[in-house]
């Protein structure tokens, strides 16, 4: 079955343990797959503090998400300059 429209998703990350690592992995794995029309990642509560001390694969996945944000911001700036 094929859908005419794509889904939008929000990753709301509130945990500061292994569940946060899994959510970061899921979010990072969506980058470049066109799986979702739009996706957002929100860190709340304990997850916000944990961002300051990420290590290993969790840190790599967070950096992958940051690179995506930087690319989007750059594209928007360039688009604004041309218009």
PDB file of N, CA and C in Angstrom:
ATOM      1  N   UNK A   1       0.835  -1.171   0.000  1.00  0.00           N
ATOM      2  CA  UNK A   1       0.000   0.000   0.000  1.00  0.00           C
ATOM      3  C   UNK A   1       0.885   1.242   0.000  1.00  0.00           C
ATOM      4  N   UNK A   2       0.581   2.179  -0.858  1.00  0.00           N
ATOM      5  CA  UNK A   2       1.357   3.409  -0.941  1.00  0.00           C
ATOM      6  C   UNK A   2       0.486   4.581  -0.498  1.00  0.00           C
ATOM      7  N   UNK A   3       1.087   5.464   0.299  1.00  0.00           N
ATOM      8  CA  UNK A   3       0.378   6.621   0.810  1.00  0.00           C
ATOM      9  C   UNK A   3       0.651   7.822  -0.079  1.00  0.00           C
ATOM     10  N   UNK A   4      -0.336   8.669  -0.214  1.00  0.00           N
ATOM     11  CA  UNK A   4      -0.175   9.871  -1.016  1.00  0.00           C
ATOM     12  C   UNK A   4       0.583  10.964  -0.263  1.00  0.00           C
ATOM     13  N   UNK A   5       0.483  10.953   1.053  1.00  0.00           N
ATOM     14  CA  UNK A   5       1.180  11.961   1.844  1.00  0.00           C
ATOM     15  C   UNK A   5       2.120  11.282   2.823  1.00  0.00           C
ATOM     16  N   UNK A   6       3.150  12.005   3.181  1.00  0.00           N
ATOM     17  CA  UNK A   6       4.118  11.466   4.125  1.00  0.00           C
ATOM     18  C   UNK A   6       3.741  11.918   5.535  1.00  0.00           C
ATOM     19  N   UNK A   7       4.294  11.224   6.509  1.00  0.00           N
ATOM     20  CA  UNK A   7       4.011  11.512   7.906  1.00  0.00           C
ATOM     21  C   UNK A   7       4.953  12.565   8.459  1.00  0.00           C
ATOM     22  N   UNK A   8       4.508  13.181   9.525  1.00  0.00           N
ATOM     23  CA  UNK A   8       5.337  14.079  10.309  1.00  0.00           C
ATOM     24  C   UNK A   8       5.492  13.432  11.680  1.00  0.00           C
ATOM     25  N   UNK A   9       6.656  13.628  12.298  1.00  0.00           N
ATOM     26  CA  UNK A   9       6.897  12.975  13.585  1.00  0.00           C
ATOM     27  C   UNK A   9       7.672  13.914  14.501  1.00  0.00           C
ATOM     28  N   UNK A  10       7.426  13.770  15.799  1.00  0.00           N
ATOM     29  CA  UNK A  10       8.154  14.510  16.827  1.00  0.00           C
ATOM     30  C   UNK A  10       8.778  13.492  17.771  1.00  0.00           C
ATOM     31  N   UNK A  11      10.082  13.608  17.961  1.00  0.00           N
ATOM     32  CA  UNK A  11      10.773  12.806  18.962  1.00  0.00           C
ATOM     33  C   UNK A  11      10.858  13.676  20.217  1.00  0.00           C
ATOM     34  N   UNK A  12      10.077  13.363  21.238  1.00  0.00           N
ATOM     35  CA  UNK A  12      10.112  14.080  22.502  1.00  0.00           C
ATOM     36  C   UNK A  12      10.950  13.246  23.459  1.00  0.00           C
ATOM     37  N   UNK A  13      12.167  13.706  23.720  1.00  0.00           N
ATOM     38  CA  UNK A  13      13.118  12.942  24.528  1.00  0.00           C
ATOM     39  C   UNK A  13      13.177  13.562  25.909  1.00  0.00           C
ATOM     40  N   UNK A  14      12.750  12.798  26.920  1.00  0.00           N
ATOM     41  CA  UNK A  14      12.692  13.290  28.290  1.00  0.00           C
ATOM     42  C   UNK A  14      13.583  12.497  29.237  1.00  0.00           C
ATOM     43  N   UNK A  15      14.032  11.350  28.815  1.00  0.00           N
ATOM     44  CA  UNK A  15      14.819  10.459  29.663  1.00  0.00           C
ATOM     45  C   UNK A  15      16.298  10.824  29.590  1.00  0.00           C
ATOM     46  N   UNK A  16      17.048  10.444  30.613  1.00  0.00           N
ATOM     47  CA  UNK A  16      18.490  10.709  30.595  1.00  0.00           C
ATOM     48  C   UNK A  16      19.293   9.411  30.698  1.00  0.00           C
ATOM     49  N   UNK A  17      18.691   8.309  30.245  1.00  0.00           N
ATOM     50  CA  UNK A  17      19.382   7.021  30.319  1.00  0.00           C
ATOM     51  C   UNK A  17      19.450   6.370  28.934  1.00  0.00           C
ATOM     52  N   UNK A  18      19.466   5.066  28.906  1.00  0.00           N
ATOM     53  CA  UNK A  18      19.613   4.333  27.644  1.00  0.00           C
ATOM     54  C   UNK A  18      18.449   4.616  26.685  1.00  0.00           C
ATOM     55  N   UNK A  19      17.288   4.967  27.221  1.00  0.00           N
ATOM     56  CA  UNK A  19      16.148   5.309  26.352  1.00  0.00           C
ATOM     57  C   UNK A  19      16.454   6.561  25.531  1.00  0.00           C
ATOM     58  N   UNK A  20      17.204   7.489  26.111  1.00  0.00           N
ATOM     59  CA  UNK A  20      17.605   8.675  25.366  1.00  0.00           C
ATOM     60  C   UNK A  20      18.543   8.291  24.235  1.00  0.00           C
ATOM     61  N   UNK A  21      19.475   7.379  24.519  1.00  0.00           N
ATOM     62  CA  UNK A  21      20.401   6.913  23.487  1.00  0.00           C
ATOM     63  C   UNK A  21      19.647   6.275  22.325  1.00  0.00           C
ATOM     64  N   UNK A  22      18.639   5.470  22.639  1.00  0.00           N
ATOM     65  CA  UNK A  22      17.841   4.819  21.595  1.00  0.00           C
ATOM     66  C   UNK A  22      17.059   5.841  20.774  1.00  0.00           C
ATOM     67  N   UNK A  23      16.489   6.837  21.443  1.00  0.00           N
ATOM     68  CA  UNK A  23      15.739   7.869  20.730  1.00  0.00           C
ATOM     69  C   UNK A  23      16.664   8.683  19.825  1.00  0.00           C
ATOM     70  N   UNK A  24      17.872   8.989  20.305  1.00  0.00           N
ATOM     71  CA  UNK A  24      18.838   9.703  19.467  1.00  0.00           C
ATOM     72  C   UNK A  24      19.215   8.888  18.243  1.00  0.00           C
ATOM     73  N   UNK A  25      19.376   7.587  18.424  1.00  0.00           N
ATOM     74  CA  UNK A  25      19.697   6.699  17.301  1.00  0.00           C
ATOM     75  C   UNK A  25      18.565   6.700  16.286  1.00  0.00           C
ATOM     76  N   UNK A  26      17.344   6.576  16.764  1.00  0.00           N
ATOM     77  CA  UNK A  26      16.192   6.585  15.849  1.00  0.00           C
ATOM     78  C   UNK A  26      16.098   7.900  15.091  1.00  0.00           C
ATOM     79  N   UNK A  27      16.255   9.007  15.797  1.00  0.00           N
ATOM     80  CA  UNK A  27      16.166  10.314  15.157  1.00  0.00           C
ATOM     81  C   UNK A  27      17.286  10.506  14.138  1.00  0.00           C
ATOM     82  N   UNK A  28      18.508  10.136  14.511  1.00  0.00           N
ATOM     83  CA  UNK A  28      19.650  10.299  13.602  1.00  0.00           C
ATOM     84  C   UNK A  28      19.511   9.410  12.369  1.00  0.00           C
ATOM     85  N   UNK A  29      18.916   8.242  12.544  1.00  0.00           N
ATOM     86  CA  UNK A  29      18.745   7.332  11.412  1.00  0.00           C
ATOM     87  C   UNK A  29      17.706   7.823  10.409  1.00  0.00           C
ATOM     88  N   UNK A  30      16.891   8.792  10.780  1.00  0.00           N
ATOM     89  CA  UNK A  30      15.915   9.332   9.833  1.00  0.00           C
ATOM     90  C   UNK A  30      16.541  10.373   8.913  1.00  0.00           C
ATOM     91  N   UNK A  31      17.707  10.882   9.287  1.00  0.00           N
ATOM     92  CA  UNK A  31      18.372  11.916   8.483  1.00  0.00           C
ATOM     93  C   UNK A  31      18.740  11.330   7.124  1.00  0.00           C
ATOM     94  N   UNK A  32      18.281  11.978   6.065  1.00  0.00           N
ATOM     95  CA  UNK A  32      18.630  11.574   4.713  1.00  0.00           C
ATOM     96  C   UNK A  32      17.839  10.406   4.159  1.00  0.00           C
ATOM     97  N   UNK A  33      16.856   9.898   4.898  1.00  0.00           N
ATOM     98  CA  UNK A  33      16.098   8.748   4.400  1.00  0.00           C
ATOM     99  C   UNK A  33      14.792   9.139   3.725  1.00  0.00           C
ATOM    100  N   UNK A  34      14.365  10.374   3.928  1.00  0.00           N
ATOM    101  CA  UNK A  34      13.066  10.822   3.419  1.00  0.00           C
ATOM    102  C   UNK A  34      11.923   9.955   3.932  1.00  0.00           C
ATOM    103  N   UNK A  35      12.115   9.398   5.121  1.00  0.00           N
ATOM    104  CA  UNK A  35      11.088   8.565   5.735  1.00  0.00           C
ATOM    105  C   UNK A  35       9.900   9.408   6.182  1.00  0.00           C
ATOM    106  N   UNK A  36      10.193  10.632   6.616  1.00  0.00           N
ATOM    107  CA  UNK A  36       9.148  11.529   7.090  1.00  0.00           C
ATOM    108  C   UNK A  36       9.193  12.828   6.301  1.00  0.00           C
ATOM    109  N   UNK A  37       8.030  13.419   6.122  1.00  0.00           N
ATOM    110  CA  UNK A  37       7.960  14.723   5.469  1.00  0.00           C
ATOM    111  C   UNK A  37       8.664  15.760   6.336  1.00  0.00           C
ATOM    112  N   UNK A  38       8.485  15.636   7.635  1.00  0.00           N
ATOM    113  CA  UNK A  38       9.073  16.577   8.580  1.00  0.00           C
ATOM    114  C   UNK A  38       9.271  15.849   9.897  1.00  0.00           C
ATOM    115  N   UNK A  39      10.396  16.094  10.550  1.00  0.00           N
ATOM    116  CA  UNK A  39      10.563  15.543  11.890  1.00  0.00           C
ATOM    117  C   UNK A  39      11.257  16.554  12.774  1.00  0.00           C
ATOM    118  N   UNK A  40      10.872  16.517  14.043  1.00  0.00           N
ATOM    119  CA  UNK A  40      11.412  17.431  15.041  1.00  0.00           C
ATOM    120  C   UNK A  40      11.939  16.602  16.195  1.00  0.00           C
ATOM    121  N   UNK A  41      12.956  17.126  16.850  1.00  0.00           N
ATOM    122  CA  UNK A  41      13.497  16.483  18.041  1.00  0.00           C
ATOM    123  C   UNK A  41      13.466  17.515  19.162  1.00  0.00           C
ATOM    124  N   UNK A  42      12.792  17.169  20.257  1.00  0.00           N
ATOM    125  CA  UNK A  42      12.670  18.069  21.404  1.00  0.00           C
ATOM    126  C   UNK A  42      13.265  17.367  22.621  1.00  0.00           C
ATOM    127  N   UNK A  43      14.165  18.053  23.286  1.00  0.00           N
ATOM    128  CA  UNK A  43      14.760  17.538  24.516  1.00  0.00           C
ATOM    129  C   UNK A  43      14.126  18.281  25.685  1.00  0.00           C
ATOM    130  N   UNK A  44      13.694  17.528  26.714  1.00  0.00           N
ATOM    131  CA  UNK A  44      12.997  18.140  27.820  1.00  0.00           C
ATOM    132  C   UNK A  44      13.463  17.543  29.144  1.00  0.00           C
ATOM    133  N   UNK A  45      13.545  18.366  30.155  1.00  0.00           N
ATOM    134  CA  UNK A  45      13.864  17.896  31.504  1.00  0.00           C
ATOM    135  C   UNK A  45      15.253  17.288  31.607  1.00  0.00           C
ATOM    136  N   UNK A  46      15.343  16.078  32.169  1.00  0.00           N
ATOM    137  CA  UNK A  46      16.640  15.433  32.379  1.00  0.00           C
ATOM    138  C   UNK A  46      17.448  15.259  31.086  1.00  0.00           C
ATOM    139  N   UNK A  47      16.764  15.124  29.968  1.00  0.00           N
ATOM    140  CA  UNK A  47      17.468  14.955  28.686  1.00  0.00           C
ATOM    141  C   UNK A  47      18.272  16.206  28.337  1.00  0.00           C
ATOM    142  N   UNK A  48      17.779  17.370  28.723  1.00  0.00           N
ATOM    143  CA  UNK A  48      18.503  18.609  28.442  1.00  0.00           C
ATOM    144  C   UNK A  48      19.851  18.621  29.169  1.00  0.00           C
ATOM    145  N   UNK A  49      19.858  18.186  30.404  1.00  0.00           N
ATOM    146  CA  UNK A  49      21.110  18.148  31.164  1.00  0.00           C
ATOM    147  C   UNK A  49      22.062  17.094  30.613  1.00  0.00           C
ATOM    148  N   UNK A  50      21.512  15.977  30.181  1.00  0.00           N
ATOM    149  CA  UNK A  50      22.349  14.894  29.673  1.00  0.00           C
ATOM    150  C   UNK A  50      23.060  15.281  28.383  1.00  0.00           C
ATOM    151  N   UNK A  51      22.493  16.208  27.623  1.00  0.00           N
ATOM    152  CA  UNK A  51      23.134  16.647  26.384  1.00  0.00           C
ATOM    153  C   UNK A  51      24.547  17.176  26.642  1.00  0.00           C
ATOM    154  N   UNK A  52      24.776  17.721  27.810  1.00  0.00           N
ATOM    155  CA  UNK A  52      26.087  18.288  28.141  1.00  0.00           C
ATOM    156  C   UNK A  52      27.147  17.233  28.400  1.00  0.00           C
ATOM    157  N   UNK A  53      26.723  15.989  28.640  1.00  0.00           N
ATOM    158  CA  UNK A  53      27.704  14.946  28.946  1.00  0.00           C
ATOM    159  C   UNK A  53      27.546  13.693  28.084  1.00  0.00           C
ATOM    160  N   UNK A  54      27.130  13.876  26.855  1.00  0.00           N
ATOM    161  CA  UNK A  54      27.001  12.740  25.937  1.00  0.00           C
ATOM    162  C   UNK A  54      28.369  12.183  25.577  1.00  0.00           C
ATOM    163  N   UNK A  55      28.411  10.882  25.368  1.00  0.00           N
ATOM    164  CA  UNK A  55      29.644  10.205  24.956  1.00  0.00           C
ATOM    165  C   UNK A  55      29.309   9.124  23.944  1.00  0.00           C
ATOM    166  N   UNK A  56      30.322   8.716  23.201  1.00  0.00           N
ATOM    167  CA  UNK A  56      30.208   7.568  22.293  1.00  0.00           C
ATOM    168  C   UNK A  56      29.172   7.754  21.203  1.00  0.00           C
ATOM    169  N   UNK A  57      28.428   6.675  20.888  1.00  0.00           N
ATOM    170  CA  UNK A  57      27.448   6.718  19.795  1.00  0.00           C
ATOM    171  C   UNK A  57      26.348   7.761  20.008  1.00  0.00           C
ATOM    172  N   UNK A  58      25.943   7.990  21.254  1.00  0.00           N
ATOM    173  CA  UNK A  58      24.906   8.994  21.516  1.00  0.00           C
ATOM    174  C   UNK A  58      25.401  10.379  21.090  1.00  0.00           C
ATOM    175  N   UNK A  59      26.649  10.688  21.389  1.00  0.00           N
ATOM    176  CA  UNK A  59      27.227  11.974  20.992  1.00  0.00           C
ATOM    177  C   UNK A  59      27.325  12.068  19.469  1.00  0.00           C
ATOM    178  N   UNK A  60      27.736  10.967  18.835  1.00  0.00           N
ATOM    179  CA  UNK A  60      27.823  10.940  17.364  1.00  0.00           C
ATOM    180  C   UNK A  60      26.461  11.201  16.723  1.00  0.00           C
ATOM    181  N   UNK A  61      25.424  10.564  17.266  1.00  0.00           N
ATOM    182  CA  UNK A  61      24.074  10.749  16.724  1.00  0.00           C
ATOM    183  C   UNK A  61      23.580  12.176  16.923  1.00  0.00           C
ATOM    184  N   UNK A  62      23.890  12.762  18.077  1.00  0.00           N
ATOM    185  CA  UNK A  62      23.495  14.148  18.319  1.00  0.00           C
ATOM    186  C   UNK A  62      24.212  15.083  17.344  1.00  0.00           C
ATOM    187  N   UNK A  63      25.481  14.825  17.109  1.00  0.00           N
ATOM    188  CA  UNK A  63      26.243  15.657  16.169  1.00  0.00           C
ATOM    189  C   UNK A  63      25.705  15.518  14.744  1.00  0.00           C
ATOM    190  N   UNK A  64      25.223  14.331  14.398  1.00  0.00           N
ATOM    191  CA  UNK A  64      24.606  14.129  13.082  1.00  0.00           C
ATOM    192  C   UNK A  64      23.356  14.993  12.947  1.00  0.00           C
ATOM    193  N   UNK A  65      22.565  15.053  14.009  1.00  0.00           N
ATOM    194  CA  UNK A  65      21.375  15.904  13.992  1.00  0.00           C
ATOM    195  C   UNK A  65      21.757  17.381  13.909  1.00  0.00           C
ATOM    196  N   UNK A  66      22.810  17.777  14.609  1.00  0.00           N
ATOM    197  CA  UNK A  66      23.268  19.167  14.554  1.00  0.00           C
ATOM    198  C   UNK A  66      23.725  19.550  13.150  1.00  0.00           C
ATOM    199  N   UNK A  67      24.419  18.635  12.473  1.00  0.00           N
ATOM    200  CA  UNK A  67      24.856  18.919  11.100  1.00  0.00           C
ATOM    201  C   UNK A  67      23.656  19.150  10.192  1.00  0.00           C
ATOM    202  N   UNK A  68      22.599  18.379  10.390  1.00  0.00           N
ATOM    203  CA  UNK A  68      21.384  18.565   9.593  1.00  0.00           C
ATOM    204  C   UNK A  68      20.806  19.957   9.836  1.00  0.00           C
ATOM    205  N   UNK A  69      20.755  20.370  11.080  1.00  0.00           N
ATOM    206  CA  UNK A  69      20.235  21.699  11.407  1.00  0.00           C
ATOM    207  C   UNK A  69      21.098  22.771  10.751  1.00  0.00           C
ATOM    208  N   UNK A  70      22.409  22.601  10.796  1.00  0.00           N
ATOM    209  CA  UNK A  70      23.304  23.579  10.181  1.00  0.00           C
ATOM    210  C   UNK A  70      23.075  23.659   8.672  1.00  0.00           C
ATOM    211  N   UNK A  71      22.852  22.519   8.032  1.00  0.00           N
ATOM    212  CA  UNK A  71      22.585  22.521   6.591  1.00  0.00           C
ATOM    213  C   UNK A  71      21.274  23.228   6.266  1.00  0.00           C
ATOM    214  N   UNK A  72      20.266  23.004   7.086  1.00  0.00           N
ATOM    215  CA  UNK A  72      18.967  23.638   6.856  1.00  0.00           C
ATOM    216  C   UNK A  72      19.089  25.149   7.028  1.00  0.00           C
ATOM    217  N   UNK A  73      19.768  25.574   8.091  1.00  0.00           N
ATOM    218  CA  UNK A  73      19.942  27.011   8.324  1.00  0.00           C
ATOM    219  C   UNK A  73      20.718  27.644   7.173  1.00  0.00           C
ATOM    220  N   UNK A  74      21.769  26.989   6.723  1.00  0.00           N
ATOM    221  CA  UNK A  74      22.554  27.506   5.605  1.00  0.00           C
ATOM    222  C   UNK A  74      21.692  27.637   4.348  1.00  0.00           C
ATOM    223  N   UNK A  75      20.887  26.621   4.069  1.00  0.00           N
ATOM    224  CA  UNK A  75      20.022  26.654   2.887  1.00  0.00           C
ATOM    225  C   UNK A  75      19.015  27.799   2.990  1.00  0.00           C
ATOM    226  N   UNK A  76      18.455  28.008   4.178  1.00  0.00           N
ATOM    227  CA  UNK A  76      17.504  29.102   4.346  1.00  0.00           C
ATOM    228  C   UNK A  76      18.162  30.466   4.176  1.00  0.00           C
ATOM    229  N   UNK A  77      19.379  30.598   4.688  1.00  0.00           N
ATOM    230  CA  UNK A  77      20.105  31.857   4.535  1.00  0.00           C
ATOM    231  C   UNK A  77      20.379  32.119   3.067  1.00  0.00           C
ATOM    232  N   UNK A  78      20.867  31.113   2.351  1.00  0.00           N
ATOM    233  CA  UNK A  78      21.175  31.277   0.934  1.00  0.00           C
ATOM    234  C   UNK A  78      19.914  31.589   0.140  1.00  0.00           C
ATOM    235  N   UNK A  79      18.829  30.958   0.493  1.00  0.00           N
ATOM    236  CA  UNK A  79      17.559  31.217  -0.196  1.00  0.00           C
ATOM    237  C   UNK A  79      17.123  32.656   0.045  1.00  0.00           C
ATOM    238  N   UNK A  80      17.295  33.141   1.279  1.00  0.00           N
ATOM    239  CA  UNK A  80      16.941  34.511   1.604  1.00  0.00           C
ATOM    240  C   UNK A  80      17.807  35.528   0.885  1.00  0.00           C
ATOM    241  N   UNK A  81      19.079  35.189   0.698  1.00  0.00           N
ATOM    242  CA  UNK A  81      19.993  36.088   0.003  1.00  0.00           C
ATOM    243  C   UNK A  81      19.582  36.223  -1.461  1.00  0.00           C
ATOM    244  N   UNK A  82      19.159  35.131  -2.066  1.00  0.00           N
ATOM    245  CA  UNK A  82      18.795  35.155  -3.483  1.00  0.00           C
ATOM    246  C   UNK A  82      17.468  35.843  -3.730  1.00  0.00           C
ATOM    247  N   UNK A  83      16.584  35.885  -2.745  1.00  0.00           N
ATOM    248  CA  UNK A  83      15.242  36.463  -2.957  1.00  0.00           C
ATOM    249  C   UNK A  83      15.181  37.911  -2.705  1.00  0.00           C
TER     250      UNK A  83
END
